[in-house]
PDB file of N, CA and C in Angstrom:
ATOM      1  N   MET A   1      -7.598   1.876 -18.262  1.00  0.00           N
ATOM      2  CA  MET A   1      -7.930   3.253 -18.018  1.00  0.00           C
ATOM      3  C   MET A   1      -9.080   3.328 -17.030  1.00  0.00           C
ATOM      4  N   CYS A   2      -9.160   4.415 -16.346  1.00  0.00           N
ATOM      5  CA  CYS A   2     -10.208   4.616 -15.364  1.00  0.00           C
ATOM      6  C   CYS A   2     -11.428   5.246 -16.011  1.00  0.00           C
ATOM      7  N   GLU A   3     -12.472   5.423 -15.219  1.00  0.00           N
ATOM      8  CA  GLU A   3     -13.740   5.923 -15.736  1.00  0.00           C
ATOM      9  C   GLU A   3     -13.633   7.272 -16.437  1.00  0.00           C
ATOM     10  N   ALA A   4     -12.967   8.236 -15.854  1.00  0.00           N
ATOM     11  CA  ALA A   4     -12.845   9.564 -16.451  1.00  0.00           C
ATOM     12  C   ALA A   4     -11.485   9.673 -17.125  1.00  0.00           C
ATOM     13  N   ASP A   5     -11.480   9.665 -18.451  1.00  0.00           N
ATOM     14  CA  ASP A   5     -10.218   9.642 -19.181  1.00  0.00           C
ATOM     15  C   ASP A   5      -9.879  10.944 -19.885  1.00  0.00           C
ATOM     16  N   THR A   6     -10.771  11.906 -19.892  1.00  0.00           N
ATOM     17  CA  THR A   6     -10.486  13.168 -20.554  1.00  0.00           C
ATOM     18  C   THR A   6     -10.609  14.306 -19.550  1.00  0.00           C
ATOM     19  N   PRO A   7      -9.966  15.450 -19.836  1.00  0.00           N
ATOM     20  CA  PRO A   7     -10.028  16.569 -18.896  1.00  0.00           C
ATOM     21  C   PRO A   7     -11.456  17.016 -18.584  1.00  0.00           C
ATOM     22  N   SER A   8     -12.380  16.864 -19.508  1.00  0.00           N
ATOM     23  CA  SER A   8     -13.752  17.295 -19.269  1.00  0.00           C
ATOM     24  C   SER A   8     -14.529  16.311 -18.390  1.00  0.00           C
ATOM     25  N   ASP A   9     -13.984  15.118 -18.168  1.00  0.00           N
ATOM     26  CA  ASP A   9     -14.625  14.113 -17.318  1.00  0.00           C
ATOM     27  C   ASP A   9     -14.072  14.226 -15.900  1.00  0.00           C
ATOM     28  N   ALA A  10     -14.416  15.301 -15.216  1.00  0.00           N
ATOM     29  CA  ALA A  10     -13.869  15.550 -13.888  1.00  0.00           C
ATOM     30  C   ALA A  10     -14.300  14.472 -12.911  1.00  0.00           C
ATOM     31  N   LYS A  11     -13.358  14.075 -12.065  1.00  0.00           N
ATOM     32  CA  LYS A  11     -13.640  13.096 -11.024  1.00  0.00           C
ATOM     33  C   LYS A  11     -13.962  13.830  -9.728  1.00  0.00           C
ATOM     34  N   ALA A  12     -14.554  13.103  -8.813  1.00  0.00           N
ATOM     35  CA  ALA A  12     -14.895  13.676  -7.522  1.00  0.00           C
ATOM     36  C   ALA A  12     -13.633  14.099  -6.771  1.00  0.00           C
ATOM     37  N   THR A  13     -13.733  15.147  -6.011  1.00  0.00           N
ATOM     38  CA  THR A  13     -12.638  15.610  -5.170  1.00  0.00           C
ATOM     39  C   THR A  13     -12.425  14.604  -4.044  1.00  0.00           C
ATOM     40  N   ILE A  14     -11.164  14.317  -3.752  1.00  0.00           N
ATOM     41  CA  ILE A  14     -10.840  13.414  -2.646  1.00  0.00           C
ATOM     42  C   ILE A  14     -10.118  14.206  -1.564  1.00  0.00           C
ATOM     43  N   THR A  15     -10.051  13.633  -0.396  1.00  0.00           N
ATOM     44  CA  THR A  15      -9.352  14.286   0.699  1.00  0.00           C
ATOM     45  C   THR A  15      -7.866  13.962   0.625  1.00  0.00           C
ATOM     46  N   TYR A  16      -7.079  14.710   1.365  1.00  0.00           N
ATOM     47  CA  TYR A  16      -5.645  14.433   1.460  1.00  0.00           C
ATOM     48  C   TYR A  16      -5.433  13.035   2.021  1.00  0.00           C
ATOM     49  N   ASP A  17      -6.247  12.651   2.997  1.00  0.00           N
ATOM     50  CA  ASP A  17      -6.137  11.315   3.582  1.00  0.00           C
ATOM     51  C   ASP A  17      -6.400  10.231   2.539  1.00  0.00           C
ATOM     52  N   ASP A  18      -7.343  10.474   1.623  1.00  0.00           N
ATOM     53  CA  ASP A  18      -7.595   9.518   0.539  1.00  0.00           C
ATOM     54  C   ASP A  18      -6.360   9.395  -0.345  1.00  0.00           C
ATOM     55  N   PHE A  19      -5.753  10.517  -0.697  1.00  0.00           N
ATOM     56  CA  PHE A  19      -4.551  10.498  -1.525  1.00  0.00           C
ATOM     57  C   PHE A  19      -3.429   9.734  -0.828  1.00  0.00           C
ATOM     58  N   CYS A  20      -3.305   9.907   0.463  1.00  0.00           N
ATOM     59  CA  CYS A  20      -2.240   9.240   1.223  1.00  0.00           C
ATOM     60  C   CYS A  20      -2.387   7.722   1.237  1.00  0.00           C
ATOM     61  N   LYS A  21      -3.554   7.224   0.896  1.00  0.00           N
ATOM     62  CA  LYS A  21      -3.758   5.775   0.839  1.00  0.00           C
ATOM     63  C   LYS A  21      -3.045   5.149  -0.361  1.00  0.00           C
ATOM     64  N   LEU A  22      -2.754   5.959  -1.385  1.00  0.00           N
ATOM     65  CA  LEU A  22      -2.047   5.452  -2.558  1.00  0.00           C
ATOM     66  C   LEU A  22      -0.586   5.216  -2.221  1.00  0.00           C
ATOM     67  N   ASP A  23      -0.067   4.070  -2.624  1.00  0.00           N
ATOM     68  CA  ASP A  23       1.354   3.780  -2.460  1.00  0.00           C
ATOM     69  C   ASP A  23       1.994   3.882  -3.839  1.00  0.00           C
ATOM     70  N   LEU A  24       2.469   5.085  -4.163  1.00  0.00           N
ATOM     71  CA  LEU A  24       3.105   5.337  -5.447  1.00  0.00           C
ATOM     72  C   LEU A  24       4.590   5.074  -5.300  1.00  0.00           C
ATOM     73  N   ARG A  25       5.126   4.241  -6.191  1.00  0.00           N
ATOM     74  CA  ARG A  25       6.525   3.829  -6.100  1.00  0.00           C
ATOM     75  C   ARG A  25       7.205   3.897  -7.461  1.00  0.00           C
ATOM     76  N   VAL A  26       8.520   4.090  -7.431  1.00  0.00           N
ATOM     77  CA  VAL A  26       9.343   4.000  -8.635  1.00  0.00           C
ATOM     78  C   VAL A  26       9.583   2.521  -8.929  1.00  0.00           C
ATOM     79  N   ALA A  27       9.449   2.153 -10.186  1.00  0.00           N
ATOM     80  CA  ALA A  27       9.734   0.785 -10.616  1.00  0.00           C
ATOM     81  C   ALA A  27      10.577   0.842 -11.879  1.00  0.00           C
ATOM     82  N   THR A  28      11.429  -0.151 -12.042  1.00  0.00           N
ATOM     83  CA  THR A  28      12.217  -0.294 -13.266  1.00  0.00           C
ATOM     84  C   THR A  28      11.657  -1.475 -14.048  1.00  0.00           C
ATOM     85  N   ILE A  29      11.407  -1.260 -15.325  1.00  0.00           N
ATOM     86  CA  ILE A  29      10.891  -2.332 -16.184  1.00  0.00           C
ATOM     87  C   ILE A  29      12.057  -3.234 -16.569  1.00  0.00           C
ATOM     88  N   VAL A  30      11.956  -4.519 -16.208  1.00  0.00           N
ATOM     89  CA  VAL A  30      13.056  -5.449 -16.462  1.00  0.00           C
ATOM     90  C   VAL A  30      12.741  -6.462 -17.565  1.00  0.00           C
ATOM     91  N   GLU A  31      11.461  -6.674 -17.860  1.00  0.00           N
ATOM     92  CA  GLU A  31      11.058  -7.555 -18.955  1.00  0.00           C
ATOM     93  C   GLU A  31       9.730  -7.065 -19.517  1.00  0.00           C
ATOM     94  N   VAL A  32       9.547  -7.241 -20.817  1.00  0.00           N
ATOM     95  CA  VAL A  32       8.284  -6.893 -21.459  1.00  0.00           C
ATOM     96  C   VAL A  32       7.961  -7.960 -22.491  1.00  0.00           C
ATOM     97  N   ALA A  33       6.706  -8.386 -22.500  1.00  0.00           N
ATOM     98  CA  ALA A  33       6.241  -9.365 -23.489  1.00  0.00           C
ATOM     99  C   ALA A  33       4.830  -8.998 -23.920  1.00  0.00           C
ATOM    100  N   GLU A  34       4.472  -9.439 -25.107  1.00  0.00           N
ATOM    101  CA  GLU A  34       3.101  -9.255 -25.558  1.00  0.00           C
ATOM    102  C   GLU A  34       2.215 -10.237 -24.814  1.00  0.00           C
ATOM    103  N   HIS A  35       1.020  -9.801 -24.462  1.00  0.00           N
ATOM    104  CA  HIS A  35       0.066 -10.681 -23.792  1.00  0.00           C
ATOM    105  C   HIS A  35      -0.391 -11.728 -24.809  1.00  0.00           C
ATOM    106  N   PRO A  36      -0.374 -13.021 -24.438  1.00  0.00           N
ATOM    107  CA  PRO A  36      -0.718 -14.067 -25.402  1.00  0.00           C
ATOM    108  C   PRO A  36      -2.186 -14.097 -25.809  1.00  0.00           C
ATOM    109  N   ASN A  37      -3.059 -13.461 -25.022  1.00  0.00           N
ATOM    110  CA  ASN A  37      -4.500 -13.533 -25.301  1.00  0.00           C
ATOM    111  C   ASN A  37      -5.143 -12.168 -25.509  1.00  0.00           C
ATOM    112  N   ALA A  38      -4.358 -11.146 -25.840  1.00  0.00           N
ATOM    113  CA  ALA A  38      -4.919  -9.807 -26.002  1.00  0.00           C
ATOM    114  C   ALA A  38      -4.104  -9.002 -27.004  1.00  0.00           C
ATOM    115  N   ASP A  39      -4.800  -8.272 -27.845  1.00  0.00           N
ATOM    116  CA  ASP A  39      -4.140  -7.466 -28.875  1.00  0.00           C
ATOM    117  C   ASP A  39      -3.577  -6.146 -28.357  1.00  0.00           C
ATOM    118  N   LYS A  40      -4.115  -5.633 -27.252  1.00  0.00           N
ATOM    119  CA  LYS A  40      -3.740  -4.297 -26.788  1.00  0.00           C
ATOM    120  C   LYS A  40      -2.870  -4.290 -25.538  1.00  0.00           C
ATOM    121  N   LEU A  41      -2.597  -5.468 -24.973  1.00  0.00           N
ATOM    122  CA  LEU A  41      -1.929  -5.520 -23.679  1.00  0.00           C
ATOM    123  C   LEU A  41      -0.480  -5.967 -23.765  1.00  0.00           C
ATOM    124  N   LEU A  42       0.344  -5.384 -22.899  1.00  0.00           N
ATOM    125  CA  LEU A  42       1.713  -5.838 -22.693  1.00  0.00           C
ATOM    126  C   LEU A  42       1.842  -6.341 -21.262  1.00  0.00           C
ATOM    127  N   VAL A  43       2.691  -7.344 -21.080  1.00  0.00           N
ATOM    128  CA  VAL A  43       2.973  -7.907 -19.762  1.00  0.00           C
ATOM    129  C   VAL A  43       4.350  -7.399 -19.350  1.00  0.00           C
ATOM    130  N   LEU A  44       4.388  -6.627 -18.284  1.00  0.00           N
ATOM    131  CA  LEU A  44       5.642  -6.041 -17.805  1.00  0.00           C
ATOM    132  C   LEU A  44       6.051  -6.703 -16.497  1.00  0.00           C
ATOM    133  N   GLN A  45       7.327  -7.055 -16.416  1.00  0.00           N
ATOM    134  CA  GLN A  45       7.930  -7.485 -15.158  1.00  0.00           C
ATOM    135  C   GLN A  45       8.690  -6.273 -14.645  1.00  0.00           C
ATOM    136  N   ILE A  46       8.391  -5.881 -13.408  1.00  0.00           N
ATOM    137  CA  ILE A  46       9.005  -4.676 -12.851  1.00  0.00           C
ATOM    138  C   ILE A  46       9.771  -5.006 -11.574  1.00  0.00           C
ATOM    139  N   ASP A  47      10.804  -4.212 -11.332  1.00  0.00           N
ATOM    140  CA  ASP A  47      11.578  -4.290 -10.090  1.00  0.00           C
ATOM    141  C   ASP A  47      11.130  -3.141  -9.204  1.00  0.00           C
ATOM    142  N   LEU A  48      10.615  -3.504  -8.018  1.00  0.00           N
ATOM    143  CA  LEU A  48      10.175  -2.511  -7.050  1.00  0.00           C
ATOM    144  C   LEU A  48      11.143  -2.444  -5.876  1.00  0.00           C
ATOM    145  N   GLY A  49      12.414  -2.590  -6.155  1.00  0.00           N
ATOM    146  CA  GLY A  49      13.413  -2.525  -5.099  1.00  0.00           C
ATOM    147  C   GLY A  49      13.496  -3.808  -4.309  1.00  0.00           C
ATOM    148  N   GLY A  50      13.957  -4.848  -4.949  1.00  0.00           N
ATOM    149  CA  GLY A  50      14.065  -6.146  -4.293  1.00  0.00           C
ATOM    150  C   GLY A  50      12.804  -6.978  -4.385  1.00  0.00           C
ATOM    151  N   GLN A  51      11.759  -6.415  -4.905  1.00  0.00           N
ATOM    152  CA  GLN A  51      10.513  -7.145  -5.118  1.00  0.00           C
ATOM    153  C   GLN A  51      10.167  -7.068  -6.599  1.00  0.00           C
ATOM    154  N   ARG A  52       9.963  -8.214  -7.205  1.00  0.00           N
ATOM    155  CA  ARG A  52       9.600  -8.259  -8.624  1.00  0.00           C
ATOM    156  C   ARG A  52       8.101  -8.509  -8.741  1.00  0.00           C
ATOM    157  N   ARG A  53       7.461  -7.770  -9.633  1.00  0.00           N
ATOM    158  CA  ARG A  53       6.022  -7.909  -9.850  1.00  0.00           C
ATOM    159  C   ARG A  53       5.707  -7.918 -11.329  1.00  0.00           C
ATOM    160  N   GLN A  54       4.517  -8.406 -11.613  1.00  0.00           N
ATOM    161  CA  GLN A  54       3.990  -8.392 -12.979  1.00  0.00           C
ATOM    162  C   GLN A  54       2.830  -7.411 -13.030  1.00  0.00           C
ATOM    163  N   ILE A  55       2.865  -6.529 -14.027  1.00  0.00           N
ATOM    164  CA  ILE A  55       1.715  -5.671 -14.280  1.00  0.00           C
ATOM    165  C   ILE A  55       1.330  -5.815 -15.750  1.00  0.00           C
ATOM    166  N   ILE A  56       0.047  -5.685 -15.999  1.00  0.00           N
ATOM    167  CA  ILE A  56      -0.494  -5.775 -17.353  1.00  0.00           C
ATOM    168  C   ILE A  56      -0.950  -4.365 -17.723  1.00  0.00           C
ATOM    169  N   ALA A  57      -0.544  -3.892 -18.891  1.00  0.00           N
ATOM    170  CA  ALA A  57      -0.874  -2.525 -19.299  1.00  0.00           C
ATOM    171  C   ALA A  57      -1.362  -2.486 -20.740  1.00  0.00           C
ATOM    172  N   GLY A  58      -2.378  -1.687 -20.977  1.00  0.00           N
ATOM    173  CA  GLY A  58      -2.946  -1.523 -22.313  1.00  0.00           C
ATOM    174  C   GLY A  58      -2.215  -0.473 -23.120  1.00  0.00           C
ATOM    175  N   ILE A  59      -0.935  -0.712 -23.377  1.00  0.00           N
ATOM    176  CA  ILE A  59      -0.088   0.289 -24.040  1.00  0.00           C
ATOM    177  C   ILE A  59       0.578  -0.248 -25.309  1.00  0.00           C
ATOM    178  N   LYS A  60       0.151  -1.399 -25.781  1.00  0.00           N
ATOM    179  CA  LYS A  60       0.814  -2.032 -26.928  1.00  0.00           C
ATOM    180  C   LYS A  60       0.768  -1.167 -28.192  1.00  0.00           C
ATOM    181  N   ALA A  61      -0.315  -0.421 -28.391  1.00  0.00           N
ATOM    182  CA  ALA A  61      -0.419   0.425 -29.590  1.00  0.00           C
ATOM    183  C   ALA A  61       0.561   1.593 -29.543  1.00  0.00           C
ATOM    184  N   ALA A  62       0.997   1.962 -28.355  1.00  0.00           N
ATOM    185  CA  ALA A  62       1.862   3.134 -28.200  1.00  0.00           C
ATOM    186  C   ALA A  62       3.340   2.801 -28.069  1.00  0.00           C
ATOM    187  N   TYR A  63       3.655   1.558 -27.652  1.00  0.00           N
ATOM    188  CA  TYR A  63       5.051   1.212 -27.355  1.00  0.00           C
ATOM    189  C   TYR A  63       5.433  -0.160 -27.885  1.00  0.00           C
ATOM    190  N   ALA A  64       6.592  -0.225 -28.501  1.00  0.00           N
ATOM    191  CA  ALA A  64       7.196  -1.518 -28.826  1.00  0.00           C
ATOM    192  C   ALA A  64       7.782  -2.061 -27.523  1.00  0.00           C
ATOM    193  N   PRO A  65       7.640  -3.352 -27.273  1.00  0.00           N
ATOM    194  CA  PRO A  65       8.131  -3.901 -26.003  1.00  0.00           C
ATOM    195  C   PRO A  65       9.583  -3.537 -25.695  1.00  0.00           C
ATOM    196  N   GLU A  66      10.463  -3.618 -26.673  1.00  0.00           N
ATOM    197  CA  GLU A  66      11.880  -3.357 -26.419  1.00  0.00           C
ATOM    198  C   GLU A  66      12.157  -1.902 -26.041  1.00  0.00           C
ATOM    199  N   SER A  67      11.272  -0.985 -26.413  1.00  0.00           N
ATOM    200  CA  SER A  67      11.481   0.429 -26.081  1.00  0.00           C
ATOM    201  C   SER A  67      11.238   0.725 -24.600  1.00  0.00           C
ATOM    202  N   LEU A  68      10.601  -0.185 -23.897  1.00  0.00           N
ATOM    203  CA  LEU A  68      10.287   0.029 -22.485  1.00  0.00           C
ATOM    204  C   LEU A  68      11.328  -0.543 -21.530  1.00  0.00           C
ATOM    205  N   LEU A  69      12.171  -1.441 -22.026  1.00  0.00           N
ATOM    206  CA  LEU A  69      13.157  -2.086 -21.158  1.00  0.00           C
ATOM    207  C   LEU A  69      14.076  -1.070 -20.484  1.00  0.00           C
ATOM    208  N   GLY A  70      14.222  -1.185 -19.187  1.00  0.00           N
ATOM    209  CA  GLY A  70      15.095  -0.299 -18.429  1.00  0.00           C
ATOM    210  C   GLY A  70      14.472   1.016 -18.019  1.00  0.00           C
ATOM    211  N   LYS A  71      13.296   1.337 -18.532  1.00  0.00           N
ATOM    212  CA  LYS A  71      12.640   2.600 -18.181  1.00  0.00           C
ATOM    213  C   LYS A  71      12.212   2.576 -16.721  1.00  0.00           C
ATOM    214  N   GLN A  72      12.303   3.728 -16.097  1.00  0.00           N
ATOM    215  CA  GLN A  72      11.788   3.875 -14.744  1.00  0.00           C
ATOM    216  C   GLN A  72      10.443   4.572 -14.823  1.00  0.00           C
ATOM    217  N   ILE A  73       9.461   3.954 -14.164  1.00  0.00           N
ATOM    218  CA  ILE A  73       8.087   4.424 -14.211  1.00  0.00           C
ATOM    219  C   ILE A  73       7.564   4.582 -12.793  1.00  0.00           C
ATOM    220  N   VAL A  74       6.381   5.171 -12.671  1.00  0.00           N
ATOM    221  CA  VAL A  74       5.698   5.268 -11.386  1.00  0.00           C
ATOM    222  C   VAL A  74       4.510   4.319 -11.431  1.00  0.00           C
ATOM    223  N   VAL A  75       4.369   3.529 -10.372  1.00  0.00           N
ATOM    224  CA  VAL A  75       3.260   2.575 -10.294  1.00  0.00           C
ATOM    225  C   VAL A  75       2.481   2.765  -8.995  1.00  0.00           C
ATOM    226  N   VAL A  76       1.207   2.402  -9.050  1.00  0.00           N
ATOM    227  CA  VAL A  76       0.394   2.289  -7.843  1.00  0.00           C
ATOM    228  C   VAL A  76       0.675   0.891  -7.316  1.00  0.00           C
ATOM    229  N   ALA A  77       1.433   0.813  -6.230  1.00  0.00           N
ATOM    230  CA  ALA A  77       1.915  -0.468  -5.727  1.00  0.00           C
ATOM    231  C   ALA A  77       0.915  -1.191  -4.832  1.00  0.00           C
ATOM    232  N   ASN A  78      -0.056  -0.471  -4.293  1.00  0.00           N
ATOM    233  CA  ASN A  78      -0.998  -1.116  -3.377  1.00  0.00           C
ATOM    234  C   ASN A  78      -2.389  -1.312  -3.984  1.00  0.00           C
ATOM    235  N   LEU A  79      -2.450  -1.388  -5.297  1.00  0.00           N
ATOM    236  CA  LEU A  79      -3.709  -1.673  -5.978  1.00  0.00           C
ATOM    237  C   LEU A  79      -4.016  -3.159  -5.848  1.00  0.00           C
ATOM    238  N   GLN A  80      -5.244  -3.471  -5.580  1.00  0.00           N
ATOM    239  CA  GLN A  80      -5.643  -4.872  -5.452  1.00  0.00           C
ATOM    240  C   GLN A  80      -5.347  -5.611  -6.762  1.00  0.00           C
ATOM    241  N   PRO A  81      -4.771  -6.817  -6.700  1.00  0.00           N
ATOM    242  CA  PRO A  81      -4.498  -7.580  -7.922  1.00  0.00           C
ATOM    243  C   PRO A  81      -5.765  -7.783  -8.746  1.00  0.00           C
ATOM    244  N   ARG A  82      -5.575  -7.845 -10.077  1.00  0.00           N
ATOM    245  CA  ARG A  82      -6.716  -7.984 -10.983  1.00  0.00           C
ATOM    246  C   ARG A  82      -6.326  -8.891 -12.144  1.00  0.00           C
ATOM    247  N   LYS A  83      -7.206  -9.795 -12.493  1.00  0.00           N
ATOM    248  CA  LYS A  83      -6.993 -10.656 -13.655  1.00  0.00           C
ATOM    249  C   LYS A  83      -7.338  -9.874 -14.918  1.00  0.00           C
ATOM    250  N   MET A  84      -6.444  -9.932 -15.889  1.00  0.00           N
ATOM    251  CA  MET A  84      -6.673  -9.277 -17.180  1.00  0.00           C
ATOM    252  C   MET A  84      -6.386 -10.294 -18.274  1.00  0.00           C
ATOM    253  N   ARG A  85      -7.453 -10.766 -18.883  1.00  0.00           N
ATOM    254  CA  ARG A  85      -7.340 -11.772 -19.943  1.00  0.00           C
ATOM    255  C   ARG A  85      -6.570 -12.996 -19.469  1.00  0.00           C
ATOM    256  N   GLY A  86      -6.860 -13.438 -18.227  1.00  0.00           N
ATOM    257  CA  GLY A  86      -6.276 -14.663 -17.711  1.00  0.00           C
ATOM    258  C   GLY A  86      -4.941 -14.518 -17.004  1.00  0.00           C
ATOM    259  N   MET A  87      -4.384 -13.313 -16.964  1.00  0.00           N
ATOM    260  CA  MET A  87      -3.105 -13.092 -16.281  1.00  0.00           C
ATOM    261  C   MET A  87      -3.316 -12.067 -15.177  1.00  0.00           C
ATOM    262  N   GLU A  88      -2.611 -12.251 -14.064  1.00  0.00           N
ATOM    263  CA  GLU A  88      -2.775 -11.351 -12.930  1.00  0.00           C
ATOM    264  C   GLU A  88      -1.868 -10.133 -13.043  1.00  0.00           C
ATOM    265  N   SER A  89      -2.456  -8.969 -12.788  1.00  0.00           N
ATOM    266  CA  SER A  89      -1.718  -7.717 -12.741  1.00  0.00           C
ATOM    267  C   SER A  89      -1.631  -7.283 -11.288  1.00  0.00           C
ATOM    268  N   ASN A  90      -0.421  -6.951 -10.844  1.00  0.00           N
ATOM    269  CA  ASN A  90      -0.174  -6.580  -9.456  1.00  0.00           C
ATOM    270  C   ASN A  90       0.316  -5.149  -9.347  1.00  0.00           C
ATOM    271  N   GLY A  91      -0.505  -4.227  -9.811  1.00  0.00           N
ATOM    272  CA  GLY A  91      -0.173  -2.807  -9.778  1.00  0.00           C
ATOM    273  C   GLY A  91      -0.641  -2.147 -11.057  1.00  0.00           C
ATOM    274  N   MET A  92      -0.424  -0.849 -11.144  1.00  0.00           N
ATOM    275  CA  MET A  92      -0.811  -0.102 -12.340  1.00  0.00           C
ATOM    276  C   MET A  92       0.215   0.991 -12.579  1.00  0.00           C
ATOM    277  N   LEU A  93       0.657   1.118 -13.823  1.00  0.00           N
ATOM    278  CA  LEU A  93       1.568   2.206 -14.153  1.00  0.00           C
ATOM    279  C   LEU A  93       0.779   3.474 -14.395  1.00  0.00           C
ATOM    280  N   LEU A  94       1.435   4.614 -14.222  1.00  0.00           N
ATOM    281  CA  LEU A  94       0.799   5.893 -14.493  1.00  0.00           C
ATOM    282  C   LEU A  94       1.098   6.294 -15.928  1.00  0.00           C
ATOM    283  N   ALA A  95       0.058   6.751 -16.616  1.00  0.00           N
ATOM    284  CA  ALA A  95       0.189   7.165 -18.012  1.00  0.00           C
ATOM    285  C   ALA A  95      -0.774   8.305 -18.277  1.00  0.00           C
ATOM    286  N   ALA A  96      -0.469   9.074 -19.295  1.00  0.00           N
ATOM    287  CA  ALA A  96      -1.332  10.180 -19.716  1.00  0.00           C
ATOM    288  C   ALA A  96      -1.982   9.836 -21.040  1.00  0.00           C
ATOM    289  N   SER A  97      -3.191  10.323 -21.230  1.00  0.00           N
ATOM    290  CA  SER A  97      -3.872  10.203 -22.517  1.00  0.00           C
ATOM    291  C   SER A  97      -3.620  11.505 -23.262  1.00  0.00           C
ATOM    292  N   ALA A  98      -2.772  11.437 -24.283  1.00  0.00           N
ATOM    293  CA  ALA A  98      -2.381  12.639 -25.011  1.00  0.00           C
ATOM    294  C   ALA A  98      -3.246  12.878 -26.242  1.00  0.00           C
ATOM    295  N   GLY A  99      -4.274  12.070 -26.418  1.00  0.00           N
ATOM    296  CA  GLY A  99      -5.161  12.194 -27.567  1.00  0.00           C
ATOM    297  C   GLY A  99      -6.315  11.225 -27.425  1.00  0.00           C
ATOM    298  N   GLU A 100      -6.947  10.929 -28.531  1.00  0.00           N
ATOM    299  CA  GLU A 100      -8.138  10.094 -28.515  1.00  0.00           C
ATOM    300  C   GLU A 100      -7.860   8.608 -28.707  1.00  0.00           C
ATOM    301  N   GLY A 101      -6.781   8.245 -29.367  1.00  0.00           N
ATOM    302  CA  GLY A 101      -6.549   6.857 -29.735  1.00  0.00           C
ATOM    303  C   GLY A 101      -5.628   6.117 -28.786  1.00  0.00           C
ATOM    304  N   PRO A 102      -5.586   4.784 -28.926  1.00  0.00           N
ATOM    305  CA  PRO A 102      -4.719   3.980 -28.051  1.00  0.00           C
ATOM    306  C   PRO A 102      -3.230   4.245 -28.264  1.00  0.00           C
ATOM    307  N   ALA A 103      -2.848   4.754 -29.419  1.00  0.00           N
ATOM    308  CA  ALA A 103      -1.442   5.073 -29.673  1.00  0.00           C
ATOM    309  C   ALA A 103      -1.044   6.404 -29.037  1.00  0.00           C
ATOM    310  N   ASP A 104      -2.013   7.119 -28.462  1.00  0.00           N
ATOM    311  CA  ASP A 104      -1.753   8.428 -27.853  1.00  0.00           C
ATOM    312  C   ASP A 104      -1.468   8.348 -26.358  1.00  0.00           C
ATOM    313  N   VAL A 105      -1.235   7.150 -25.851  1.00  0.00           N
ATOM    314  CA  VAL A 105      -0.923   6.961 -24.434  1.00  0.00           C
ATOM    315  C   VAL A 105       0.559   7.253 -24.214  1.00  0.00           C
ATOM    316  N   VAL A 106       0.858   7.993 -23.152  1.00  0.00           N
ATOM    317  CA  VAL A 106       2.234   8.342 -22.813  1.00  0.00           C
ATOM    318  C   VAL A 106       2.511   7.838 -21.397  1.00  0.00           C
ATOM    319  N   VAL A 107       3.421   6.870 -21.285  1.00  0.00           N
ATOM    320  CA  VAL A 107       3.803   6.348 -19.981  1.00  0.00           C
ATOM    321  C   VAL A 107       4.649   7.399 -19.275  1.00  0.00           C
ATOM    322  N   LEU A 108       4.322   7.676 -18.018  1.00  0.00           N
ATOM    323  CA  LEU A 108       5.078   8.661 -17.249  1.00  0.00           C
ATOM    324  C   LEU A 108       6.368   8.027 -16.759  1.00  0.00           C
ATOM    325  N   THR A 109       7.482   8.651 -17.113  1.00  0.00           N
ATOM    326  CA  THR A 109       8.806   8.146 -16.743  1.00  0.00           C
ATOM    327  C   THR A 109       9.540   9.212 -15.927  1.00  0.00           C
ATOM    328  N   LEU A 110      10.631   8.793 -15.299  1.00  0.00           N
ATOM    329  CA  LEU A 110      11.429   9.719 -14.501  1.00  0.00           C
ATOM    330  C   LEU A 110      12.442  10.426 -15.388  1.00  0.00           C
ATOM    331  N   ASP A 111      12.797  11.647 -15.019  1.00  0.00           N
ATOM    332  CA  ASP A 111      13.783  12.384 -15.811  1.00  0.00           C
ATOM    333  C   ASP A 111      15.217  12.101 -15.364  1.00  0.00           C
ATOM    334  N   ARG A 112      15.382  11.413 -14.236  1.00  0.00           N
ATOM    335  CA  ARG A 112      16.689  10.919 -13.803  1.00  0.00           C
ATOM    336  C   ARG A 112      16.455   9.689 -12.928  1.00  0.00           C
ATOM    337  N   ASP A 113      17.504   8.902 -12.738  1.00  0.00           N
ATOM    338  CA  ASP A 113      17.365   7.630 -12.023  1.00  0.00           C
ATOM    339  C   ASP A 113      17.053   7.829 -10.549  1.00  0.00           C
ATOM    340  N   ALA A 114      16.221   6.927 -10.058  1.00  0.00           N
ATOM    341  CA  ALA A 114      15.920   6.833  -8.627  1.00  0.00           C
ATOM    342  C   ALA A 114      15.940   5.351  -8.270  1.00  0.00           C
ATOM    343  N   PRO A 115      16.282   5.009  -7.059  1.00  0.00           N
ATOM    344  CA  PRO A 115      16.297   3.591  -6.697  1.00  0.00           C
ATOM    345  C   PRO A 115      14.907   2.977  -6.835  1.00  0.00           C
ATOM    346  N   PRO A 116      14.819   1.789  -7.451  1.00  0.00           N
ATOM    347  CA  PRO A 116      13.514   1.124  -7.536  1.00  0.00           C
ATOM    348  C   PRO A 116      12.940   0.940  -6.126  1.00  0.00           C
ATOM    349  N   GLY A 117      11.647   1.158  -6.020  1.00  0.00           N
ATOM    350  CA  GLY A 117      10.973   1.072  -4.729  1.00  0.00           C
ATOM    351  C   GLY A 117      10.856   2.410  -4.017  1.00  0.00           C
ATOM    352  N   SER A 118      11.520   3.439  -4.544  1.00  0.00           N
ATOM    353  CA  SER A 118      11.436   4.759  -3.910  1.00  0.00           C
ATOM    354  C   SER A 118       9.996   5.226  -3.860  1.00  0.00           C
ATOM    355  N   SER A 119       9.633   5.852  -2.754  1.00  0.00           N
ATOM    356  CA  SER A 119       8.284   6.367  -2.578  1.00  0.00           C
ATOM    357  C   SER A 119       8.108   7.640  -3.405  1.00  0.00           C
ATOM    358  N   VAL A 120       6.920   7.808  -3.979  1.00  0.00           N
ATOM    359  CA  VAL A 120       6.583   9.002  -4.752  1.00  0.00           C
ATOM    360  C   VAL A 120       5.490   9.751  -3.998  1.00  0.00           C
ATOM    361  N   SER A 121       5.679  11.041  -3.831  1.00  0.00           N
ATOM    362  CA  SER A 121       4.660  11.836  -3.132  1.00  0.00           C
ATOM    363  C   SER A 121       4.486  13.178  -3.811  1.00  0.00           C
TER     364      SER A 121
END
């Protein structure tokens, strides 16, 4: 999660050009596993349209791994890679905080299929 996680924690206004720097893409989740060294993390293998990537997400309290298989999500594809508990994450999925606890996370999914790798704007 980022620094401001609640509606009352307003973030600084950015320019349109700043927003355009984000590479938001549709991804299909093709594999999910529990992180071997973390209680709250899942390791997702995603298809970004001919490119497969691994992302690490703190959504284990909200989702059983098998419930995510095949889901289409939106990811920040141009986020700098980051090590999370010894494993590299190459992107970030978009999710909403629907409450105070870790089980209140809602992964943003598509309401109909789009080709993996499709640009989101």
